[in-house]
């Protein structure tokens, strides 16, 4: 294997790692948006329950 081929393989490995991390970030953000949406909905419901009791 020539030095250039080795560098290409290393670069390809780095690109694959970055793509995997990007996918993991997207999945994490999707889960967080789902959780935050649930908490936001609960917070709004609690606010209106409290507001209309007064």
PDB file of N, CA and C in Angstrom:
ATOM      1  N   UNK A   1       0.850  -1.177   0.000  1.00  0.00           N
ATOM      2  CA  UNK A   1       0.000   0.000   0.000  1.00  0.00           C
ATOM      3  C   UNK A   1       0.898   1.242   0.000  1.00  0.00           C
ATOM      4  N   UNK A   2       0.612   2.100  -0.905  1.00  0.00           N
ATOM      5  CA  UNK A   2       1.391   3.337  -0.966  1.00  0.00           C
ATOM      6  C   UNK A   2       0.899   4.306   0.098  1.00  0.00           C
ATOM      7  N   UNK A   3       1.714   5.306   0.355  1.00  0.00           N
ATOM      8  CA  UNK A   3       1.385   6.290   1.377  1.00  0.00           C
ATOM      9  C   UNK A   3       0.093   7.038   1.042  1.00  0.00           C
ATOM     10  N   UNK A   4      -0.119   7.356  -0.226  1.00  0.00           N
ATOM     11  CA  UNK A   4      -1.341   8.055  -0.640  1.00  0.00           C
ATOM     12  C   UNK A   4      -2.587   7.224  -0.396  1.00  0.00           C
ATOM     13  N   UNK A   5      -2.496   5.917  -0.659  1.00  0.00           N
ATOM     14  CA  UNK A   5      -3.632   5.032  -0.416  1.00  0.00           C
ATOM     15  C   UNK A   5      -3.938   4.947   1.077  1.00  0.00           C
ATOM     16  N   UNK A   6      -2.892   4.921   1.892  1.00  0.00           N
ATOM     17  CA  UNK A   6      -3.077   4.879   3.343  1.00  0.00           C
ATOM     18  C   UNK A   6      -3.798   6.139   3.817  1.00  0.00           C
ATOM     19  N   UNK A   7      -3.383   7.293   3.290  1.00  0.00           N
ATOM     20  CA  UNK A   7      -4.019   8.551   3.680  1.00  0.00           C
ATOM     21  C   UNK A   7      -5.480   8.578   3.234  1.00  0.00           C
ATOM     22  N   UNK A   8      -5.758   8.033   2.038  1.00  0.00           N
ATOM     23  CA  UNK A   8      -7.140   7.973   1.562  1.00  0.00           C
ATOM     24  C   UNK A   8      -7.992   7.102   2.479  1.00  0.00           C
ATOM     25  N   UNK A   9      -7.440   5.985   2.924  1.00  0.00           N
ATOM     26  CA  UNK A   9      -8.175   5.094   3.827  1.00  0.00           C
ATOM     27  C   UNK A   9      -8.438   5.778   5.165  1.00  0.00           C
ATOM     28  N   UNK A  10      -7.435   6.497   5.678  1.00  0.00           N
ATOM     29  CA  UNK A  10      -7.612   7.220   6.945  1.00  0.00           C
ATOM     30  C   UNK A  10      -8.680   8.308   6.792  1.00  0.00           C
ATOM     31  N   UNK A  11      -8.643   9.019   5.671  1.00  0.00           N
ATOM     32  CA  UNK A  11      -9.630  10.066   5.419  1.00  0.00           C
ATOM     33  C   UNK A  11     -11.030   9.471   5.325  1.00  0.00           C
ATOM     34  N   UNK A  12     -11.150   8.341   4.638  1.00  0.00           N
ATOM     35  CA  UNK A  12     -12.442   7.672   4.518  1.00  0.00           C
ATOM     36  C   UNK A  12     -12.953   7.236   5.890  1.00  0.00           C
ATOM     37  N   UNK A  13     -12.079   6.710   6.729  1.00  0.00           N
ATOM     38  CA  UNK A  13     -12.478   6.329   8.087  1.00  0.00           C
ATOM     39  C   UNK A  13     -12.973   7.535   8.874  1.00  0.00           C
ATOM     40  N   UNK A  14     -12.287   8.664   8.743  1.00  0.00           N
ATOM     41  CA  UNK A  14     -12.699   9.879   9.452  1.00  0.00           C
ATOM     42  C   UNK A  14     -14.059  10.371   8.963  1.00  0.00           C
ATOM     43  N   UNK A  15     -14.277  10.312   7.660  1.00  0.00           N
ATOM     44  CA  UNK A  15     -15.571  10.732   7.104  1.00  0.00           C
ATOM     45  C   UNK A  15     -16.687   9.829   7.621  1.00  0.00           C
ATOM     46  N   UNK A  16     -16.427   8.526   7.686  1.00  0.00           N
ATOM     47  CA  UNK A  16     -17.429   7.586   8.209  1.00  0.00           C
ATOM     48  C   UNK A  16     -17.738   7.880   9.676  1.00  0.00           C
ATOM     49  N   UNK A  17     -16.706   8.183  10.466  1.00  0.00           N
ATOM     50  CA  UNK A  17     -16.921   8.519  11.880  1.00  0.00           C
ATOM     51  C   UNK A  17     -17.753   9.786  12.013  1.00  0.00           C
ATOM     52  N   UNK A  18     -17.439  10.793  11.199  1.00  0.00           N
ATOM     53  CA  UNK A  18     -18.189  12.049  11.260  1.00  0.00           C
ATOM     54  C   UNK A  18     -19.647  11.835  10.868  1.00  0.00           C
ATOM     55  N   UNK A  19     -19.894  10.996   9.858  1.00  0.00           N
ATOM     56  CA  UNK A  19     -21.263  10.712   9.429  1.00  0.00           C
ATOM     57  C   UNK A  19     -22.029   9.988  10.537  1.00  0.00           C
ATOM     58  N   UNK A  20     -21.370   9.056  11.212  1.00  0.00           N
ATOM     59  CA  UNK A  20     -22.021   8.332  12.313  1.00  0.00           C
ATOM     60  C   UNK A  20     -22.333   9.281  13.462  1.00  0.00           C
ATOM     61  N   UNK A  21     -21.414  10.175  13.785  1.00  0.00           N
ATOM     62  CA  UNK A  21     -21.666  11.150  14.846  1.00  0.00           C
ATOM     63  C   UNK A  21     -22.793  12.093  14.462  1.00  0.00           C
ATOM     64  N   UNK A  22     -22.840  12.506  13.205  1.00  0.00           N
ATOM     65  CA  UNK A  22     -23.902  13.388  12.732  1.00  0.00           C
ATOM     66  C   UNK A  22     -25.258  12.706  12.864  1.00  0.00           C
ATOM     67  N   UNK A  23     -25.326  11.429  12.506  1.00  0.00           N
ATOM     68  CA  UNK A  23     -26.577  10.678  12.623  1.00  0.00           C
ATOM     69  C   UNK A  23     -26.980  10.544  14.091  1.00  0.00           C
ATOM     70  N   UNK A  24     -26.017  10.280  14.957  1.00  0.00           N
ATOM     71  CA  UNK A  24     -26.309  10.173  16.390  1.00  0.00           C
ATOM     72  C   UNK A  24     -26.808  11.511  16.928  1.00  0.00           C
ATOM     73  N   UNK A  25     -26.212  12.618  16.479  1.00  0.00           N
ATOM     74  CA  UNK A  25     -26.670  13.944  16.902  1.00  0.00           C
ATOM     75  C   UNK A  25     -28.104  14.195  16.459  1.00  0.00           C
ATOM     76  N   UNK A  26     -28.426  13.807  15.229  1.00  0.00           N
ATOM     77  CA  UNK A  26     -29.788  14.005  14.728  1.00  0.00           C
ATOM     78  C   UNK A  26     -30.787  13.208  15.549  1.00  0.00           C
ATOM     79  N   UNK A  27     -30.442  11.965  15.871  1.00  0.00           N
ATOM     80  CA  UNK A  27     -31.344  11.134  16.669  1.00  0.00           C
ATOM     81  C   UNK A  27     -31.500  11.701  18.077  1.00  0.00           C
ATOM     82  N   UNK A  28     -30.407  12.194  18.657  1.00  0.00           N
ATOM     83  CA  UNK A  28     -30.464  12.794  19.984  1.00  0.00           C
ATOM     84  C   UNK A  28     -31.357  14.031  19.973  1.00  0.00           C
ATOM     85  N   UNK A  29     -31.179  14.888  18.970  1.00  0.00           N
ATOM     86  CA  UNK A  29     -31.998  16.093  18.883  1.00  0.00           C
ATOM     87  C   UNK A  29     -33.471  15.753  18.692  1.00  0.00           C
ATOM     88  N   UNK A  30     -33.743  14.711  17.923  1.00  0.00           N
ATOM     89  CA  UNK A  30     -35.130  14.301  17.705  1.00  0.00           C
ATOM     90  C   UNK A  30     -35.760  13.848  19.023  1.00  0.00           C
ATOM     91  N   UNK A  31     -34.998  13.062  19.809  1.00  0.00           N
ATOM     92  CA  UNK A  31     -35.514  12.613  21.112  1.00  0.00           C
ATOM     93  C   UNK A  31     -35.719  13.792  22.056  1.00  0.00           C
ATOM     94  N   UNK A  32     -34.775  14.734  22.060  1.00  0.00           N
ATOM     95  CA  UNK A  32     -34.901  15.891  22.947  1.00  0.00           C
ATOM     96  C   UNK A  32     -36.084  16.769  22.553  1.00  0.00           C
ATOM     97  N   UNK A  33     -36.304  16.956  21.254  1.00  0.00           N
ATOM     98  CA  UNK A  33     -37.455  17.743  20.808  1.00  0.00           C
ATOM     99  C   UNK A  33     -38.755  17.086  21.253  1.00  0.00           C
ATOM    100  N   UNK A  34     -38.800  15.765  21.181  1.00  0.00           N
ATOM    101  CA  UNK A  34     -40.001  15.043  21.598  1.00  0.00           C
ATOM    102  C   UNK A  34     -40.238  15.240  23.094  1.00  0.00           C
ATOM    103  N   UNK A  35     -39.181  15.104  23.883  1.00  0.00           N
ATOM    104  CA  UNK A  35     -39.314  15.289  25.334  1.00  0.00           C
ATOM    105  C   UNK A  35     -39.682  16.725  25.679  1.00  0.00           C
ATOM    106  N   UNK A  36     -39.008  17.680  25.046  1.00  0.00           N
ATOM    107  CA  UNK A  36     -39.284  19.080  25.356  1.00  0.00           C
ATOM    108  C   UNK A  36     -40.696  19.456  24.931  1.00  0.00           C
ATOM    109  N   UNK A  37     -41.159  18.900  23.831  1.00  0.00           N
ATOM    110  CA  UNK A  37     -42.534  19.151  23.401  1.00  0.00           C
ATOM    111  C   UNK A  37     -43.523  18.652  24.436  1.00  0.00           C
ATOM    112  N   UNK A  38     -43.253  17.488  25.010  1.00  0.00           N
ATOM    113  CA  UNK A  38     -44.125  16.935  26.049  1.00  0.00           C
ATOM    114  C   UNK A  38     -44.121  17.834  27.283  1.00  0.00           C
ATOM    115  N   UNK A  39     -42.921  18.257  27.716  1.00  0.00           N
ATOM    116  CA  UNK A  39     -42.842  19.116  28.893  1.00  0.00           C
ATOM    117  C   UNK A  39     -43.470  20.476  28.638  1.00  0.00           C
ATOM    118  N   UNK A  40     -43.304  21.005  27.438  1.00  0.00           N
ATOM    119  CA  UNK A  40     -43.906  22.287  27.103  1.00  0.00           C
ATOM    120  C   UNK A  40     -45.423  22.179  27.138  1.00  0.00           C
ATOM    121  N   UNK A  41     -45.960  21.104  26.587  1.00  0.00           N
ATOM    122  CA  UNK A  41     -47.407  20.899  26.598  1.00  0.00           C
ATOM    123  C   UNK A  41     -47.912  20.782  28.032  1.00  0.00           C
ATOM    124  N   UNK A  42     -47.212  20.014  28.855  1.00  0.00           N
ATOM    125  CA  UNK A  42     -47.613  19.869  30.253  1.00  0.00           C
ATOM    126  C   UNK A  42     -47.553  21.212  30.971  1.00  0.00           C
ATOM    127  N   UNK A  43     -46.513  21.991  30.710  1.00  0.00           N
ATOM    128  CA  UNK A  43     -46.370  23.301  31.344  1.00  0.00           C
ATOM    129  C   UNK A  43     -47.487  24.242  30.951  1.00  0.00           C
ATOM    130  N   UNK A  44     -47.873  24.230  29.694  1.00  0.00           N
ATOM    131  CA  UNK A  44     -48.967  25.092  29.229  1.00  0.00           C
ATOM    132  C   UNK A  44     -50.277  24.651  29.869  1.00  0.00           C
ATOM    133  N   UNK A  45     -50.499  23.343  29.937  1.00  0.00           N
ATOM    134  CA  UNK A  45     -51.716  22.834  30.574  1.00  0.00           C
ATOM    135  C   UNK A  45     -51.775  23.247  32.038  1.00  0.00           C
ATOM    136  N   UNK A  46     -50.670  23.126  32.750  1.00  0.00           N
ATOM    137  CA  UNK A  46     -50.642  23.518  34.160  1.00  0.00           C
ATOM    138  C   UNK A  46     -50.865  25.012  34.320  1.00  0.00           C
ATOM    139  N   UNK A  47     -50.282  25.802  33.426  1.00  0.00           N
ATOM    140  CA  UNK A  47     -50.457  27.251  33.492  1.00  0.00           C
ATOM    141  C   UNK A  47     -51.929  27.620  33.350  1.00  0.00           C
ATOM    142  N   UNK A  48     -52.618  27.038  32.358  1.00  0.00           N
ATOM    143  CA  UNK A  48     -54.017  27.389  32.145  1.00  0.00           C
ATOM    144  C   UNK A  48     -54.902  26.869  33.273  1.00  0.00           C
ATOM    145  N   UNK A  49     -54.583  25.707  33.826  1.00  0.00           N
ATOM    146  CA  UNK A  49     -55.351  25.212  34.974  1.00  0.00           C
ATOM    147  C   UNK A  49     -55.229  26.178  36.142  1.00  0.00           C
ATOM    148  N   UNK A  50     -54.025  26.638  36.403  1.00  0.00           N
ATOM    149  CA  UNK A  50     -53.804  27.584  37.497  1.00  0.00           C
ATOM    150  C   UNK A  50     -54.452  28.926  37.186  1.00  0.00           C
ATOM    151  N   UNK A  51     -54.309  29.406  35.961  1.00  0.00           N
ATOM    152  CA  UNK A  51     -54.813  30.717  35.563  1.00  0.00           C
ATOM    153  C   UNK A  51     -56.334  30.771  35.666  1.00  0.00           C
ATOM    154  N   UNK A  52     -57.017  29.720  35.215  1.00  0.00           N
ATOM    155  CA  UNK A  52     -58.474  29.746  35.212  1.00  0.00           C
ATOM    156  C   UNK A  52     -59.069  29.425  36.577  1.00  0.00           C
ATOM    157  N   UNK A  53     -58.260  28.937  37.501  1.00  0.00           N
ATOM    158  CA  UNK A  53     -58.765  28.713  38.860  1.00  0.00           C
ATOM    159  C   UNK A  53     -58.900  30.027  39.608  1.00  0.00           C
ATOM    160  N   UNK A  54     -58.090  31.006  39.231  1.00  0.00           N
ATOM    161  CA  UNK A  54     -58.156  32.303  39.920  1.00  0.00           C
ATOM    162  C   UNK A  54     -59.343  33.040  39.465  1.00  0.00           C
TER     163      UNK A  54
END
